[in-house]
């Protein structure tokens, strides 16, 4: 039996390409496990845990690419070593890993090292970009769903005391806690 594992780092990424590859590689759709929103550095991935638990002696674990399994050499080699000890075959892309072939071991280690280096390069590029003031200025975090003018109107209505927070929540179609946050944002802006 073949079991597949797919991973995407963010919910915005599409795991469909990886699923298509796994199906084309002979993995039944109900035997594909995946993680969405987890980096390869995160060892606590539920989909990976389920995939590793699903394979038995003689089964094959298939991953589309090396960096989908893990982002460092140590974790990759540990996972593949555990699979080998359990009699599970490891397949990365179209290549089946042979634990008895020194060239296969070298190739696996080499690809794991490249995946680890790639993760480091991505991190460095992100840090370099964040060091630039023009980039930091663009990243303001999550912005409120309501405009500052509405914050002011909500704060004024609360201060006047003629309407309760629940009434204002119905009028502005936001939660009661959203009413309090809007008023607090406006007050903090006025105090500056």
Protein backbone atom coordinates (compact mmCIF):
# COMPACT_ATOMS: atom_id res chain seq x y z
CA UNK A 1 0.00 0.00 0.00
CA UNK A 2 1.17 3.54 -0.75
CA UNK A 3 0.60 6.40 1.72
CA UNK A 4 1.16 10.00 0.69
CA UNK A 5 2.13 13.11 2.61
CA UNK A 6 1.75 16.71 1.40
CA UNK A 7 2.52 19.98 3.18
CA UNK A 8 2.05 23.66 2.46
CA UNK A 9 3.45 26.37 4.73
CA UNK A 10 0.54 28.79 4.49
CA UNK A 11 -3.17 28.46 3.96
CA UNK A 12 -2.79 30.69 0.87
CA UNK A 13 -0.62 28.07 -0.86
CA UNK A 14 -2.26 25.34 -2.92
CA UNK A 15 -1.72 21.72 -1.90
CA UNK A 16 -3.65 20.48 -4.95
CA UNK A 17 -0.50 20.12 -7.10
CA UNK A 18 1.07 17.89 -4.46
CA UNK A 19 -2.15 15.84 -4.13
CA UNK A 20 -2.29 15.42 -7.92
CA UNK A 21 1.32 14.19 -7.94
CA UNK A 22 0.62 11.70 -5.14
CA UNK A 23 -2.46 10.33 -6.92
CA UNK A 24 -0.47 9.99 -10.16
CA UNK A 25 2.21 8.14 -8.16
CA UNK A 26 -0.37 5.51 -7.17
CA UNK A 27 -1.53 6.80 -3.78
CA UNK A 28 -5.27 6.42 -3.15
CA UNK A 29 -6.92 9.74 -2.35
CA UNK A 30 -8.07 8.51 1.08
CA UNK A 31 -4.44 7.59 1.92
CA UNK A 32 -3.11 11.14 1.50
CA UNK A 33 -2.33 13.04 4.68
CA UNK A 34 -1.50 16.71 4.67
CA UNK A 35 -0.60 19.69 6.80
CA UNK A 36 -1.57 23.25 5.92
CA UNK A 37 0.05 26.22 7.60
CA UNK A 38 3.03 24.38 9.07
CA UNK A 39 6.65 25.01 8.21
CA UNK A 40 8.99 22.10 7.70
CA UNK A 41 10.73 23.12 10.93
CA UNK A 42 7.62 22.37 12.97
CA UNK A 43 7.97 18.78 14.18
CA UNK A 44 4.43 18.65 15.62
CA UNK A 45 2.60 18.17 12.34
CA UNK A 46 -0.60 16.14 12.73
CA UNK A 47 -0.77 15.09 9.07
CA UNK A 48 2.81 13.79 9.14
CA UNK A 49 2.15 11.97 12.39
CA UNK A 50 -0.92 10.30 10.84
CA UNK A 51 0.96 9.36 7.66
CA UNK A 52 3.79 7.80 9.66
CA UNK A 53 1.28 5.90 11.80
CA UNK A 54 -0.59 4.65 8.72
CA UNK A 55 2.38 2.89 7.06
CA UNK A 56 3.23 -0.71 7.92
CA UNK A 57 5.95 -3.17 6.97
CA UNK A 58 6.08 -3.36 3.16
CA UNK A 59 4.14 -0.11 2.61
CA UNK A 60 5.57 2.93 0.83
CA UNK A 61 5.52 6.50 2.11
CA UNK A 62 5.48 8.92 -0.83
CA UNK A 63 6.30 12.64 -0.63
CA UNK A 64 6.31 14.92 -3.69
CA UNK A 65 9.58 16.68 -2.77
CA UNK A 66 12.17 16.43 -0.01
CA UNK A 67 11.37 19.82 1.54
CA UNK A 68 7.77 18.69 2.11
CA UNK A 69 8.97 16.05 4.57
CA UNK A 70 11.37 18.14 6.67
CA UNK A 71 13.52 21.27 6.47
CA UNK A 72 16.71 19.92 7.99
CA UNK A 73 19.04 16.99 7.46
CA UNK A 74 18.76 15.60 10.98
CA UNK A 75 14.95 15.32 10.94
CA UNK A 76 14.91 13.90 7.41
CA UNK A 77 17.46 11.21 8.21
CA UNK A 78 15.71 10.35 11.48
CA UNK A 79 12.32 9.92 9.79
CA UNK A 80 13.78 7.83 6.95
CA UNK A 81 15.82 5.74 9.41
CA UNK A 82 12.66 4.99 11.47
CA UNK A 83 10.76 4.07 8.30
CA UNK A 84 13.58 1.74 7.21
CA UNK A 85 13.67 0.05 10.64
CA UNK A 86 9.91 -0.57 10.35
CA UNK A 87 10.30 -2.06 6.86
CA UNK A 88 8.60 0.90 5.16
CA UNK A 89 9.84 2.02 1.76
CA UNK A 90 10.46 5.76 1.30
CA UNK A 91 9.75 7.40 -2.07
CA UNK A 92 10.56 11.05 -2.78
CA UNK A 93 9.14 12.19 -6.08
CA UNK A 94 9.66 9.28 -8.47
CA UNK A 95 12.82 8.09 -6.69
CA UNK A 96 12.61 5.15 -4.31
CA UNK A 97 15.17 5.27 -1.51
CA UNK A 98 17.27 2.13 -1.13
CA UNK A 99 18.80 2.03 2.38
CA UNK A 100 21.34 -0.60 1.29
CA UNK A 101 22.78 1.47 -1.57
CA UNK A 102 25.50 3.96 -0.51
CA UNK A 103 24.70 6.19 -3.52
CA UNK A 104 21.06 6.31 -2.49
CA UNK A 105 22.08 7.34 1.05
CA UNK A 106 24.38 10.02 -0.35
CA UNK A 107 21.63 11.33 -2.64
CA UNK A 108 19.11 11.46 0.22
CA UNK A 109 21.55 13.29 2.50
CA UNK A 110 22.48 15.69 -0.30
CA UNK A 111 18.82 16.56 -1.04
CA UNK A 112 18.06 16.99 2.68
CA UNK A 113 21.04 19.37 2.97
CA UNK A 114 19.78 21.39 0.01
CA UNK A 115 16.29 21.61 1.57
CA UNK A 116 17.84 22.79 4.85
CA UNK A 117 19.99 25.39 3.08
CA UNK A 118 16.98 26.61 1.09
CA UNK A 119 15.07 27.17 4.35
CA UNK A 120 18.01 29.16 5.69
CA UNK A 121 18.20 31.26 2.53
CA UNK A 122 14.49 32.05 2.71
CA UNK A 123 14.93 33.14 6.32
CA UNK A 124 17.91 35.35 5.43
CA UNK A 125 16.04 37.01 2.56
CA UNK A 126 13.09 37.68 4.86
CA UNK A 127 15.36 39.21 7.52
CA UNK A 128 17.15 41.34 4.92
CA UNK A 129 13.83 42.56 3.57
CA UNK A 130 12.49 43.35 7.05
CA UNK A 131 15.64 45.38 7.79
CA UNK A 132 14.63 47.86 5.08
CA UNK A 133 12.40 50.66 6.46
CA UNK A 134 10.34 50.80 3.25
CA UNK A 135 9.34 47.13 3.70
CA UNK A 136 8.58 47.48 7.43
CA UNK A 137 6.42 50.50 6.69
CA UNK A 138 4.21 48.42 4.40
CA UNK A 139 3.70 45.71 7.04
CA UNK A 140 1.31 47.28 9.51
CA UNK A 141 -0.31 44.09 10.67
CA UNK A 142 -3.99 43.32 10.50
CA UNK A 143 -6.04 46.46 10.03
CA UNK A 144 -9.45 46.97 11.69
CA UNK A 145 -12.45 46.13 9.53
CA UNK A 146 -14.13 49.44 10.35
CA UNK A 147 -12.78 52.88 9.41
CA UNK A 148 -11.51 55.46 11.94
CA UNK A 149 -14.61 57.65 11.38
CA UNK A 150 -16.79 54.79 12.62
CA UNK A 151 -14.50 54.36 15.64
CA UNK A 152 -15.11 58.04 16.46
CA UNK A 153 -18.89 57.70 16.10
CA UNK A 154 -18.93 54.61 18.32
CA UNK A 155 -16.78 56.27 21.01
CA UNK A 156 -19.03 59.36 20.95
CA UNK A 157 -22.21 57.28 21.25
CA UNK A 158 -20.77 55.28 24.15
CA UNK A 159 -19.64 58.46 25.93
CA UNK A 160 -23.10 60.01 25.55
CA UNK A 161 -24.57 56.90 27.18
CA UNK A 162 -27.87 56.97 25.30
CA UNK A 163 -27.23 53.60 23.64
CA UNK A 164 -25.78 50.46 25.17
CA UNK A 165 -22.88 48.54 23.64
CA UNK A 166 -25.35 45.84 22.58
CA UNK A 167 -27.53 48.44 20.79
CA UNK A 168 -24.48 49.89 19.03
CA UNK A 169 -23.35 46.40 18.05
CA UNK A 170 -26.67 45.85 16.26
CA UNK A 171 -26.53 49.28 14.57
CA UNK A 172 -22.94 48.89 13.33
CA UNK A 173 -23.28 45.13 12.72
CA UNK A 174 -20.22 44.17 14.75
CA UNK A 175 -19.79 42.30 18.03
CA UNK A 176 -20.15 43.97 21.40
CA UNK A 177 -16.44 43.45 22.05
CA UNK A 178 -15.81 45.08 18.66
CA UNK A 179 -17.68 48.15 19.92
CA UNK A 180 -15.37 48.41 22.93
CA UNK A 181 -12.25 47.89 20.76
CA UNK A 182 -13.40 50.60 18.33
CA UNK A 183 -13.95 53.07 21.16
CA UNK A 184 -10.56 52.19 22.68
CA UNK A 185 -8.83 52.68 19.30
CA UNK A 186 -10.42 56.11 18.92
CA UNK A 187 -9.51 57.17 22.47
CA UNK A 188 -5.92 56.01 22.00
CA UNK A 189 -5.70 57.96 18.75
CA UNK A 190 -7.06 61.13 20.43
CA UNK A 191 -4.59 60.81 23.34
CA UNK A 192 -1.60 60.72 20.99
